[in-house]
Amino acid sequence: MSGHSKWATIKRAKGKTDAARANVFTKIGRELAVAVKAGGPDPNNNAKLRDVISKAKAANMPNDNITRSIKKASGELGSINYDSITYEGYGVGGVAVIVETLTDNKNRTAGDVRHIFDKCGGSMGTTGCVSYLFETRGVLAVEKKPTDDDDEMMMLALDCGADDFNVEDGMYEILTTPADFSSVRESLESKGVVFVKSEIEKIPSNYITVDDAAMPKLQRMLDMFDENDDVQNVYHNADLPEEEEEE
């Protein structure tokens, strides 16, 4: 998993401004709404909802916000339908980009995504043009405490069904298959493990180095996607310097 910018991303997420954090909560609120609509408002009977609640807690979303989002989704506002649409394309320097969205207006979102690609020197491609360069994995990140034993944590993770484990920069990263993600997460939670990241994401199989001249355009594109309400997740295979991730 060398080169995966997970560690800097986690640090940046933990240091988000209030405005950025509110944006994250809005996006998670949509995921909660979709999960409730698909399987009902009771997390005991809705595995997908349990997954999103875990993600929300890892992002430090207050319990009141989570409860309110679930009630809202199961009430009168539950009539709002969000479509899950994934776009693929290229950033500057041939960087592969996947943009996952939840939208109540497909035309608006498609136009916005295309505009961001074009404005930042990239281009929107067809479905499947870059997805083969990524692997879908469950990612659980745990902050390492001074008293933690690396071998013990690794054995715990593997015993709970994880299929890979990394230690780096004061963090444990536990990887699962998408199918095993929920069971591994719940098993670790039952052992008292607390996550700073808990989600299924796409990890690139290799990375592209972007030259310094092109980096500002790429960073601007990623920021514009991040700020768009309809965009839930953005994945790319650029080997970003850590300082770029932490800004």
Protein backbone atom coordinates (compact mmCIF):
# COMPACT_ATOMS: atom_id res chain seq x y z
CA MET A 1 0.00 0.00 0.00
CA SER A 2 3.06 2.24 -0.28
CA GLY A 3 2.24 5.74 -1.46
CA HIS A 4 -1.36 5.71 -0.28
CA SER A 5 -1.96 9.19 1.14
CA LYS A 6 -4.16 7.84 3.92
CA TRP A 7 -2.09 9.13 6.83
CA ALA A 8 -1.98 12.74 5.70
CA THR A 9 -5.66 12.56 4.78
CA ILE A 10 -6.56 11.41 8.28
CA LYS A 11 -4.49 14.20 9.83
CA ARG A 12 -6.14 16.76 7.58
CA ALA A 13 -9.61 15.43 8.41
CA LYS A 14 -8.93 15.71 12.12
CA GLY A 15 -7.84 19.33 11.70
CA LYS A 16 -10.69 20.49 9.48
CA THR A 17 -12.16 23.95 9.97
CA ASP A 18 -15.73 24.26 11.23
CA ALA A 19 -16.94 25.06 7.71
CA ALA A 20 -15.21 22.01 6.24
CA ARG A 21 -16.50 19.82 9.05
CA ALA A 22 -20.06 21.04 8.41
CA ASN A 23 -19.60 20.10 4.75
CA VAL A 24 -18.51 16.59 5.76
CA PHE A 25 -21.53 16.26 8.06
CA THR A 26 -23.84 17.31 5.21
CA LYS A 27 -22.41 14.59 2.98
CA ILE A 28 -22.70 11.95 5.67
CA GLY A 29 -26.27 13.13 6.28
CA ARG A 30 -27.08 12.20 2.69
CA GLU A 31 -25.52 8.77 3.15
CA LEU A 32 -27.64 8.27 6.27
CA ALA A 33 -30.74 9.26 4.30
CA VAL A 34 -29.97 6.77 1.53
CA ALA A 35 -29.28 3.99 4.06
CA VAL A 36 -32.53 4.70 5.92
CA LYS A 37 -34.54 4.72 2.70
CA ALA A 38 -33.00 1.41 1.64
CA GLY A 39 -33.31 -0.50 4.90
CA GLY A 40 -35.28 1.47 7.46
CA PRO A 41 -34.33 3.69 10.42
CA ASP A 42 -33.43 0.94 12.91
CA PRO A 43 -29.67 0.25 12.81
CA ASN A 44 -30.24 -3.11 14.50
CA ASN A 45 -31.98 -4.28 11.34
CA ASN A 46 -30.00 -2.23 8.80
CA ALA A 47 -26.34 -3.16 8.33
CA LYS A 48 -25.71 -0.35 5.85
CA LEU A 49 -27.05 2.20 8.33
CA ARG A 50 -24.74 0.79 11.01
CA ASP A 51 -21.80 1.26 8.63
CA VAL A 52 -22.70 4.90 7.95
CA ILE A 53 -23.23 5.61 11.65
CA SER A 54 -19.75 4.23 12.33
CA LYS A 55 -18.35 6.46 9.59
CA ALA A 56 -20.17 9.44 11.10
CA LYS A 57 -18.76 8.75 14.57
CA ALA A 58 -15.24 8.35 13.15
CA ALA A 59 -15.68 11.81 11.58
CA ASN A 60 -16.70 13.19 15.02
CA MET A 61 -20.26 13.90 13.90
CA PRO A 62 -22.29 14.63 17.07
CA ASN A 63 -24.82 11.98 18.10
CA ASP A 64 -27.59 14.60 17.96
CA ASN A 65 -26.77 15.27 14.30
CA ILE A 66 -26.81 11.56 13.51
CA THR A 67 -30.15 11.02 15.26
CA ARG A 68 -31.65 14.09 13.61
CA SER A 69 -30.51 12.95 10.15
CA ILE A 70 -32.06 9.51 10.65
CA LYS A 71 -35.35 10.97 11.90
CA LYS A 72 -35.40 13.45 9.04
CA ALA A 73 -34.80 10.68 6.51
CA SER A 74 -37.55 8.48 7.96
CA GLY A 75 -40.02 11.39 8.20
CA GLU A 76 -41.48 13.81 5.70
CA LEU A 77 -38.11 14.66 4.17
CA GLY A 78 -37.61 10.98 3.40
CA SER A 79 -39.44 11.64 0.14
CA ILE A 80 -36.24 13.15 -1.28
CA ASN A 81 -34.63 10.61 -3.59
CA TYR A 82 -30.86 10.61 -4.02
CA ASP A 83 -29.35 8.81 -7.00
CA SER A 84 -25.86 7.35 -6.64
CA ILE A 85 -23.84 8.22 -9.75
CA THR A 86 -20.11 7.69 -10.29
CA TYR A 87 -18.10 9.74 -12.79
CA GLU A 88 -14.64 8.93 -14.08
CA GLY A 89 -12.06 11.09 -15.77
CA TYR A 90 -8.57 12.51 -15.84
CA GLY A 91 -6.86 15.38 -14.09
CA VAL A 92 -3.73 17.17 -15.26
CA GLY A 93 -0.79 14.91 -16.03
CA GLY A 94 -3.07 11.95 -16.75
CA VAL A 95 -4.11 11.48 -13.12
CA ALA A 96 -7.02 9.03 -12.85
CA VAL A 97 -10.00 10.44 -10.94
CA ILE A 98 -13.19 8.79 -9.67
CA VAL A 99 -15.99 11.03 -8.36
CA GLU A 100 -18.82 9.42 -6.38
CA THR A 101 -21.99 11.49 -6.02
CA LEU A 102 -25.41 11.40 -4.38
CA THR A 103 -27.78 13.74 -6.16
CA ASP A 104 -31.42 14.76 -6.44
CA ASN A 105 -30.72 16.38 -9.82
CA LYS A 106 -28.65 14.31 -12.26
CA ASN A 107 -28.35 17.07 -14.88
CA ARG A 108 -27.05 19.61 -12.36
CA THR A 109 -24.50 17.22 -10.95
CA ALA A 110 -23.26 15.99 -14.32
CA GLY A 111 -22.82 19.60 -15.43
CA ASP A 112 -20.99 20.55 -12.25
CA VAL A 113 -18.62 17.57 -12.44
CA ARG A 114 -17.83 18.19 -16.10
CA HIS A 115 -17.25 21.89 -15.40
CA ILE A 116 -14.76 21.12 -12.61
CA PHE A 117 -12.84 18.68 -14.79
CA ASP A 118 -12.69 21.18 -17.67
CA LYS A 119 -11.89 24.22 -15.53
CA CYS A 120 -8.90 22.50 -13.92
CA GLY A 121 -7.25 21.13 -17.05
CA GLY A 122 -8.81 17.67 -16.90
CA SER A 123 -11.50 15.83 -18.83
CA MET A 124 -14.49 13.70 -17.92
CA GLY A 125 -14.32 10.23 -19.43
CA THR A 126 -16.66 7.30 -19.93
CA THR A 127 -17.71 4.76 -17.32
CA GLY A 128 -14.90 2.29 -16.74
CA CYS A 129 -12.13 4.44 -18.22
CA VAL A 130 -10.13 4.55 -14.97
CA SER A 131 -11.95 2.35 -12.43
CA TYR A 132 -9.82 -0.65 -13.41
CA LEU A 133 -6.85 1.19 -11.86
CA PHE A 134 -8.45 1.04 -8.39
CA GLU A 135 -9.33 -1.69 -5.91
CA THR A 136 -12.32 -1.37 -3.59
CA ARG A 137 -11.37 -2.07 0.04
CA GLY A 138 -12.79 -1.58 3.49
CA VAL A 139 -10.52 0.80 5.41
CA LEU A 140 -10.48 1.08 9.20
CA ALA A 141 -7.96 3.46 10.74
CA VAL A 142 -7.09 3.45 14.44
CA GLU A 143 -4.93 5.99 16.24
CA LYS A 144 -2.02 4.21 17.92
CA LYS A 145 -1.65 4.87 21.65
CA PRO A 146 1.73 4.71 23.46
CA THR A 147 0.54 1.64 25.36
CA ASP A 148 -0.57 -0.27 22.24
CA ASP A 149 1.32 -3.33 21.07
CA ASP A 150 1.59 -3.55 17.27
CA ASP A 151 1.63 -7.36 17.17
CA GLU A 152 -1.37 -7.64 19.47
CA MET A 153 -3.37 -5.17 17.38
CA MET A 154 -2.42 -7.00 14.18
CA MET A 155 -3.47 -10.39 15.61
CA LEU A 156 -6.74 -8.89 16.86
CA ALA A 157 -7.49 -7.43 13.43
CA LEU A 158 -6.67 -10.67 11.62
CA ASP A 159 -8.66 -12.75 14.12
CA CYS A 160 -11.64 -10.45 13.45
CA GLY A 161 -11.39 -11.18 9.71
CA ALA A 162 -9.17 -8.42 8.31
CA ASP A 163 -6.99 -9.40 5.35
CA ASP A 164 -4.25 -6.77 5.64
CA PHE A 165 -2.71 -4.59 8.34
CA ASN A 166 -0.31 -1.63 8.20
CA VAL A 167 1.43 0.46 10.85
CA GLU A 168 2.70 3.90 9.93
CA ASP A 169 3.05 7.37 11.39
CA GLY A 170 1.21 6.63 14.63
CA MET A 171 -1.73 4.96 12.93
CA TYR A 172 -2.99 1.43 12.39
CA GLU A 173 -4.68 0.76 9.06
CA ILE A 174 -6.86 -2.33 8.88
CA LEU A 175 -8.00 -3.46 5.42
CA THR A 176 -10.88 -5.76 4.54
CA THR A 177 -12.77 -6.96 1.51
CA PRO A 178 -15.98 -4.97 0.90
CA ALA A 179 -18.03 -8.07 1.80
CA ASP A 180 -16.28 -8.49 5.17
CA PHE A 181 -16.15 -4.79 6.08
CA SER A 182 -19.24 -4.68 8.31
CA SER A 183 -18.46 -7.88 10.23
CA VAL A 184 -14.81 -6.91 10.81
CA ARG A 185 -15.77 -3.41 11.93
CA GLU A 186 -18.46 -4.66 14.32
CA SER A 187 -16.18 -7.36 15.71
CA LEU A 188 -13.41 -4.83 16.42
CA GLU A 189 -15.89 -2.37 17.93
CA SER A 190 -17.10 -5.10 20.27
CA LYS A 191 -13.48 -5.38 21.47
CA GLY A 192 -13.43 -1.66 22.27
CA VAL A 193 -11.53 -0.48 19.20
CA VAL A 194 -12.30 3.14 18.24
CA PHE A 195 -11.84 4.26 14.63
CA VAL A 196 -10.74 7.62 13.23
CA LYS A 197 -11.76 6.40 9.78
CA SER A 198 -14.33 3.77 8.87
CA GLU A 199 -15.44 3.41 5.27
CA ILE A 200 -15.22 1.51 2.02
CA GLU A 201 -13.03 3.32 -0.48
CA LYS A 202 -11.15 2.86 -3.74
CA ILE A 203 -7.38 2.47 -3.48
CA PRO A 204 -5.20 2.94 -6.59
CA SER A 205 -3.01 0.07 -7.72
CA ASN A 206 -0.23 2.49 -8.66
CA TYR A 207 0.55 6.18 -8.39
CA ILE A 208 1.44 8.98 -10.79
CA THR A 209 3.91 11.72 -9.95
CA VAL A 210 2.59 15.17 -10.89
CA ASP A 211 5.11 17.90 -11.69
CA ASP A 212 5.20 21.04 -9.56
CA ALA A 213 3.76 23.24 -12.32
CA ALA A 214 0.62 21.11 -12.63
CA MET A 215 0.10 20.50 -8.90
CA PRO A 216 -1.91 23.72 -8.19
CA LYS A 217 -4.46 22.81 -10.90
CA LEU A 218 -4.82 19.30 -9.54
CA GLN A 219 -5.20 20.54 -5.96
CA ARG A 220 -7.78 23.10 -7.09
CA MET A 221 -9.78 20.38 -8.84
CA LEU A 222 -9.76 18.17 -5.73
CA ASP A 223 -10.80 21.13 -3.55
CA MET A 224 -13.66 22.06 -5.92
CA PHE A 225 -14.97 18.49 -5.88
CA ASP A 226 -14.65 18.41 -2.10
CA GLU A 227 -16.68 21.62 -1.77
CA ASN A 228 -19.50 20.43 -4.05
CA ASP A 229 -22.51 19.29 -1.99
CA ASP A 230 -23.39 16.48 -4.42
CA VAL A 231 -19.92 14.92 -4.33
CA GLN A 232 -19.50 12.28 -1.64
CA ASN A 233 -16.03 10.90 -2.37
CA VAL A 234 -13.14 11.62 -4.72
CA TYR A 235 -10.40 9.08 -5.41
CA HIS A 236 -7.27 9.63 -7.49
CA ASN A 237 -3.88 8.07 -8.14
CA ALA A 238 -1.71 11.18 -7.81
CA ASP A 239 1.25 10.79 -5.47
CA LEU A 240 0.63 14.00 -3.53
CA PRO A 241 3.32 15.36 -1.24
CA GLU A 242 2.16 15.17 2.37
CA GLU A 243 2.22 18.94 2.79
CA GLU A 244 -0.28 19.27 -0.05
CA GLU A 245 -2.65 16.92 1.77
CA GLU A 246 -2.40 18.76 5.06
CA GLU A 247 -3.15 22.27 3.85
